[in-house]
Amino acid sequence: MKKTLWMPLFVALVAGTTIAACTSSDRTTESTGQYLDSAAITTKVKTAIVAEPGLKSMNISVDTFKDAVQLSGVVDSDQAKARAGQVAAGVPGVKSVRNDLIVQ
């Protein structure tokens, strides 16, 4: 009889731990949902940058963490740097943009 009580308790404990791990986050980590949202935003920003004629050929990397986008890489003018920041900020879901692009 005691064995039958331990199995449901064990399953509930494992399930609870798994759910807690997927939903918890802090300043330095993202929950699973936040990670998926960030990945989607990254894809949208990259697509928007590639679609922009003056930025299409630039070497721009995009990283997203908790809806904050970071742009890095090299562009050929201050105008391209500013435009990349504007394009990223215009993507739905982006809360902030850190423009670390280098002009060469």
N, C-alpha and C. Protein backbone atom coordinates (compact mmCIF):
# COMPACT_ATOMS: atom_id res chain seq x y z
N MET A 1 0.82 -1.19 0.00
CA MET A 1 0.00 0.00 0.00
C MET A 1 0.87 1.26 0.00
N LYS A 2 1.98 1.23 0.70
CA LYS A 2 2.83 2.41 0.78
C LYS A 2 3.47 2.73 -0.58
N LYS A 3 3.78 1.72 -1.39
CA LYS A 3 4.37 1.96 -2.70
C LYS A 3 3.42 2.74 -3.60
N THR A 4 2.14 2.48 -3.49
CA THR A 4 1.18 3.17 -4.35
C THR A 4 1.05 4.64 -3.99
N LEU A 5 1.36 5.02 -2.80
CA LEU A 5 1.31 6.43 -2.41
C LEU A 5 2.53 7.21 -2.88
N TRP A 6 3.67 6.56 -2.96
CA TRP A 6 4.89 7.25 -3.34
C TRP A 6 4.93 7.60 -4.82
N MET A 7 4.40 6.75 -5.65
CA MET A 7 4.46 7.00 -7.09
C MET A 7 3.72 8.28 -7.50
N PRO A 8 2.46 8.49 -7.10
CA PRO A 8 1.79 9.75 -7.46
C PRO A 8 2.49 10.97 -6.86
N LEU A 9 3.01 10.82 -5.66
CA LEU A 9 3.72 11.93 -5.02
C LEU A 9 4.99 12.27 -5.81
N PHE A 10 5.71 11.26 -6.24
CA PHE A 10 6.92 11.47 -7.03
C PHE A 10 6.59 12.15 -8.36
N VAL A 11 5.57 11.66 -9.04
CA VAL A 11 5.16 12.25 -10.32
C VAL A 11 4.75 13.70 -10.13
N ALA A 12 4.00 14.01 -9.10
CA ALA A 12 3.57 15.38 -8.82
C ALA A 12 4.78 16.28 -8.54
N LEU A 13 5.74 15.77 -7.81
CA LEU A 13 6.95 16.54 -7.48
C LEU A 13 7.76 16.84 -8.74
N VAL A 14 7.95 15.85 -9.60
CA VAL A 14 8.70 16.06 -10.83
C VAL A 14 7.97 17.04 -11.75
N ALA A 15 6.66 16.90 -11.87
CA ALA A 15 5.88 17.80 -12.72
C ALA A 15 5.93 19.22 -12.18
N GLY A 16 5.82 19.38 -10.88
CA GLY A 16 5.87 20.71 -10.27
C GLY A 16 7.22 21.37 -10.47
N THR A 17 8.28 20.62 -10.34
CA THR A 17 9.62 21.16 -10.54
C THR A 17 9.82 21.57 -12.00
N THR A 18 9.34 20.76 -12.92
CA THR A 18 9.48 21.07 -14.33
C THR A 18 8.72 22.34 -14.69
N ILE A 19 7.52 22.47 -14.21
CA ILE A 19 6.71 23.66 -14.48
C ILE A 19 7.36 24.89 -13.87
N ALA A 20 7.85 24.78 -12.66
CA ALA A 20 8.51 25.91 -12.00
C ALA A 20 9.75 26.33 -12.77
N ALA A 21 10.49 25.38 -13.30
CA ALA A 21 11.70 25.71 -14.06
C ALA A 21 11.36 26.43 -15.35
N CYS A 22 10.24 26.11 -15.94
CA CYS A 22 9.85 26.73 -17.21
C CYS A 22 9.29 28.14 -17.03
N THR A 23 8.78 28.45 -15.87
CA THR A 23 8.14 29.74 -15.69
C THR A 23 8.98 30.73 -14.89
N SER A 24 10.01 30.29 -14.24
CA SER A 24 10.77 31.21 -13.40
C SER A 24 11.87 31.90 -14.21
N SER A 25 12.12 33.13 -13.88
CA SER A 25 13.21 33.86 -14.49
C SER A 25 13.67 34.94 -13.52
N ASP A 26 14.84 35.46 -13.78
CA ASP A 26 15.34 36.57 -12.99
C ASP A 26 16.02 37.55 -13.94
N ARG A 27 16.84 38.42 -13.42
CA ARG A 27 17.46 39.45 -14.26
C ARG A 27 18.40 38.88 -15.31
N THR A 28 18.98 37.71 -15.05
CA THR A 28 19.98 37.17 -15.96
C THR A 28 19.51 35.97 -16.76
N THR A 29 18.30 35.50 -16.53
CA THR A 29 17.78 34.36 -17.27
C THR A 29 16.37 34.66 -17.76
N GLU A 30 15.96 33.91 -18.77
CA GLU A 30 14.62 34.03 -19.31
C GLU A 30 13.87 32.73 -19.06
N SER A 31 12.58 32.83 -18.86
CA SER A 31 11.76 31.62 -18.80
C SER A 31 11.66 31.07 -20.22
N THR A 32 11.11 29.89 -20.35
CA THR A 32 10.95 29.29 -21.67
C THR A 32 10.10 30.18 -22.57
N GLY A 33 9.01 30.70 -22.05
CA GLY A 33 8.15 31.59 -22.82
C GLY A 33 8.85 32.86 -23.25
N GLN A 34 9.62 33.45 -22.34
CA GLN A 34 10.37 34.66 -22.67
C GLN A 34 11.43 34.38 -23.73
N TYR A 35 12.06 33.21 -23.63
CA TYR A 35 13.07 32.83 -24.61
C TYR A 35 12.45 32.71 -26.00
N LEU A 36 11.29 32.07 -26.07
CA LEU A 36 10.61 31.92 -27.36
C LEU A 36 10.17 33.28 -27.91
N ASP A 37 9.68 34.16 -27.03
CA ASP A 37 9.31 35.52 -27.46
C ASP A 37 10.54 36.27 -27.99
N SER A 38 11.65 36.14 -27.29
CA SER A 38 12.88 36.82 -27.72
C SER A 38 13.35 36.28 -29.07
N ALA A 39 13.26 34.98 -29.26
CA ALA A 39 13.66 34.39 -30.53
C ALA A 39 12.78 34.90 -31.67
N ALA A 40 11.49 35.02 -31.42
CA ALA A 40 10.58 35.54 -32.44
C ALA A 40 10.89 37.00 -32.77
N ILE A 41 11.16 37.80 -31.75
CA ILE A 41 11.50 39.21 -31.98
C ILE A 41 12.80 39.32 -32.76
N THR A 42 13.80 38.50 -32.41
CA THR A 42 15.07 38.51 -33.14
C THR A 42 14.84 38.25 -34.62
N THR A 43 14.02 37.25 -34.92
CA THR A 43 13.72 36.91 -36.31
C THR A 43 13.02 38.07 -37.03
N LYS A 44 12.07 38.70 -36.35
CA LYS A 44 11.35 39.83 -36.96
C LYS A 44 12.28 41.02 -37.22
N VAL A 45 13.18 41.29 -36.28
CA VAL A 45 14.12 42.41 -36.45
C VAL A 45 15.09 42.12 -37.60
N LYS A 46 15.62 40.90 -37.65
CA LYS A 46 16.52 40.53 -38.74
C LYS A 46 15.82 40.66 -40.09
N THR A 47 14.58 40.20 -40.15
CA THR A 47 13.81 40.29 -41.40
C THR A 47 13.59 41.75 -41.80
N ALA A 48 13.27 42.60 -40.83
CA ALA A 48 13.05 44.02 -41.11
C ALA A 48 14.32 44.70 -41.59
N ILE A 49 15.46 44.33 -41.01
CA ILE A 49 16.74 44.93 -41.41
C ILE A 49 17.11 44.49 -42.83
N VAL A 50 16.92 43.22 -43.13
CA VAL A 50 17.24 42.73 -44.48
C VAL A 50 16.31 43.36 -45.51
N ALA A 51 15.08 43.65 -45.13
CA ALA A 51 14.12 44.25 -46.06
C ALA A 51 14.40 45.73 -46.30
N GLU A 52 15.18 46.34 -45.46
CA GLU A 52 15.51 47.76 -45.59
C GLU A 52 16.63 47.92 -46.64
N PRO A 53 16.37 48.62 -47.75
CA PRO A 53 17.34 48.68 -48.85
C PRO A 53 18.75 49.12 -48.45
N GLY A 54 18.90 50.13 -47.63
CA GLY A 54 20.22 50.62 -47.26
C GLY A 54 20.95 49.75 -46.27
N LEU A 55 20.27 48.81 -45.66
CA LEU A 55 20.88 47.97 -44.63
C LEU A 55 21.06 46.52 -45.09
N LYS A 56 20.51 46.20 -46.22
CA LYS A 56 20.47 44.83 -46.72
C LYS A 56 21.84 44.16 -46.72
N SER A 57 22.87 44.86 -47.14
CA SER A 57 24.20 44.26 -47.29
C SER A 57 25.10 44.47 -46.07
N MET A 58 24.58 45.07 -45.03
CA MET A 58 25.40 45.36 -43.85
C MET A 58 25.57 44.10 -42.99
N ASN A 59 26.63 44.10 -42.20
CA ASN A 59 26.93 43.00 -41.29
C ASN A 59 26.36 43.35 -39.91
N ILE A 60 25.07 43.09 -39.71
CA ILE A 60 24.40 43.47 -38.47
C ILE A 60 23.91 42.21 -37.76
N SER A 61 24.33 42.04 -36.51
CA SER A 61 23.86 40.93 -35.69
C SER A 61 22.78 41.44 -34.74
N VAL A 62 21.81 40.59 -34.44
CA VAL A 62 20.70 40.96 -33.58
C VAL A 62 20.59 39.93 -32.45
N ASP A 63 20.57 40.42 -31.22
CA ASP A 63 20.33 39.58 -30.05
C ASP A 63 19.18 40.19 -29.27
N THR A 64 18.33 39.35 -28.71
CA THR A 64 17.20 39.84 -27.92
C THR A 64 17.18 39.13 -26.58
N PHE A 65 16.97 39.90 -25.53
CA PHE A 65 16.83 39.35 -24.17
C PHE A 65 15.71 40.12 -23.49
N LYS A 66 14.65 39.40 -23.15
CA LYS A 66 13.48 39.99 -22.50
C LYS A 66 12.97 41.22 -23.25
N ASP A 67 12.78 41.08 -24.54
CA ASP A 67 12.23 42.11 -25.42
C ASP A 67 13.14 43.32 -25.62
N ALA A 68 14.36 43.26 -25.16
CA ALA A 68 15.35 44.32 -25.40
C ALA A 68 16.30 43.83 -26.49
N VAL A 69 16.40 44.59 -27.56
CA VAL A 69 17.20 44.20 -28.72
C VAL A 69 18.56 44.87 -28.67
N GLN A 70 19.60 44.09 -28.99
CA GLN A 70 20.95 44.64 -29.09
C GLN A 70 21.43 44.43 -30.53
N LEU A 71 21.85 45.52 -31.15
CA LEU A 71 22.41 45.46 -32.49
C LEU A 71 23.92 45.56 -32.39
N SER A 72 24.63 44.70 -33.11
CA SER A 72 26.09 44.78 -33.13
C SER A 72 26.57 44.46 -34.53
N GLY A 73 27.78 44.86 -34.81
CA GLY A 73 28.35 44.64 -36.13
C GLY A 73 28.92 45.92 -36.69
N VAL A 74 29.10 45.94 -38.01
CA VAL A 74 29.76 47.06 -38.67
C VAL A 74 28.85 47.61 -39.77
N VAL A 75 28.73 48.93 -39.81
CA VAL A 75 28.00 49.62 -40.88
C VAL A 75 28.92 50.68 -41.47
N ASP A 76 28.51 51.22 -42.63
CA ASP A 76 29.40 52.15 -43.32
C ASP A 76 29.12 53.63 -43.07
N SER A 77 28.06 53.94 -42.29
CA SER A 77 27.78 55.36 -42.04
C SER A 77 26.95 55.54 -40.77
N ASP A 78 26.98 56.77 -40.27
CA ASP A 78 26.16 57.10 -39.11
C ASP A 78 24.67 56.98 -39.46
N GLN A 79 24.32 57.29 -40.70
CA GLN A 79 22.93 57.19 -41.14
C GLN A 79 22.46 55.74 -41.11
N ALA A 80 23.31 54.82 -41.55
CA ALA A 80 22.95 53.39 -41.53
C ALA A 80 22.78 52.91 -40.09
N LYS A 81 23.65 53.38 -39.20
CA LYS A 81 23.55 53.00 -37.80
C LYS A 81 22.22 53.49 -37.21
N ALA A 82 21.90 54.75 -37.46
CA ALA A 82 20.66 55.33 -36.94
C ALA A 82 19.44 54.62 -37.54
N ARG A 83 19.50 54.33 -38.83
CA ARG A 83 18.36 53.68 -39.49
C ARG A 83 18.15 52.27 -38.96
N ALA A 84 19.21 51.56 -38.71
CA ALA A 84 19.08 50.21 -38.14
C ALA A 84 18.40 50.27 -36.77
N GLY A 85 18.76 51.25 -35.96
CA GLY A 85 18.11 51.42 -34.66
C GLY A 85 16.64 51.74 -34.80
N GLN A 86 16.30 52.60 -35.77
CA GLN A 86 14.90 52.95 -36.01
C GLN A 86 14.09 51.75 -36.48
N VAL A 87 14.67 50.98 -37.39
CA VAL A 87 13.98 49.80 -37.91
C VAL A 87 13.72 48.80 -36.77
N ALA A 88 14.74 48.56 -35.95
CA ALA A 88 14.59 47.61 -34.83
C ALA A 88 13.53 48.11 -33.85
N ALA A 89 13.55 49.39 -33.54
CA ALA A 89 12.58 49.94 -32.59
C ALA A 89 11.16 49.88 -33.12
N GLY A 90 11.00 49.84 -34.43
CA GLY A 90 9.68 49.80 -35.04
C GLY A 90 9.05 48.42 -35.09
N VAL A 91 9.78 47.40 -34.71
CA VAL A 91 9.25 46.04 -34.74
C VAL A 91 8.34 45.83 -33.53
N PRO A 92 7.13 45.32 -33.75
CA PRO A 92 6.22 45.07 -32.63
C PRO A 92 6.84 44.13 -31.59
N GLY A 93 6.70 44.49 -30.33
CA GLY A 93 7.23 43.69 -29.23
C GLY A 93 8.56 44.15 -28.70
N VAL A 94 9.26 45.02 -29.45
CA VAL A 94 10.56 45.52 -29.00
C VAL A 94 10.33 46.62 -27.97
N LYS A 95 10.89 46.43 -26.77
CA LYS A 95 10.74 47.44 -25.71
C LYS A 95 11.86 48.46 -25.74
N SER A 96 13.06 48.02 -26.10
CA SER A 96 14.19 48.94 -26.16
C SER A 96 15.21 48.42 -27.16
N VAL A 97 16.09 49.32 -27.62
CA VAL A 97 17.14 48.96 -28.57
C VAL A 97 18.46 49.50 -28.05
N ARG A 98 19.46 48.63 -27.98
CA ARG A 98 20.82 49.04 -27.65
C ARG A 98 21.61 48.95 -28.96
N ASN A 99 21.97 50.09 -29.49
CA ASN A 99 22.62 50.14 -30.79
C ASN A 99 24.13 50.20 -30.60
N ASP A 100 24.77 49.04 -30.68
CA ASP A 100 26.23 48.94 -30.53
C ASP A 100 26.93 48.79 -31.87
N LEU A 101 26.29 49.25 -32.94
CA LEU A 101 26.90 49.17 -34.26
C LEU A 101 28.12 50.08 -34.34
N ILE A 102 29.13 49.64 -35.07
CA ILE A 102 30.36 50.41 -35.25
C ILE A 102 30.38 50.93 -36.68
N VAL A 103 30.69 52.22 -36.81
CA VAL A 103 30.78 52.84 -38.14
C VAL A 103 32.23 52.77 -38.59
N GLN A 104 32.44 52.21 -39.79
CA GLN A 104 33.80 52.13 -40.35
C GLN A 104 33.82 52.71 -41.73
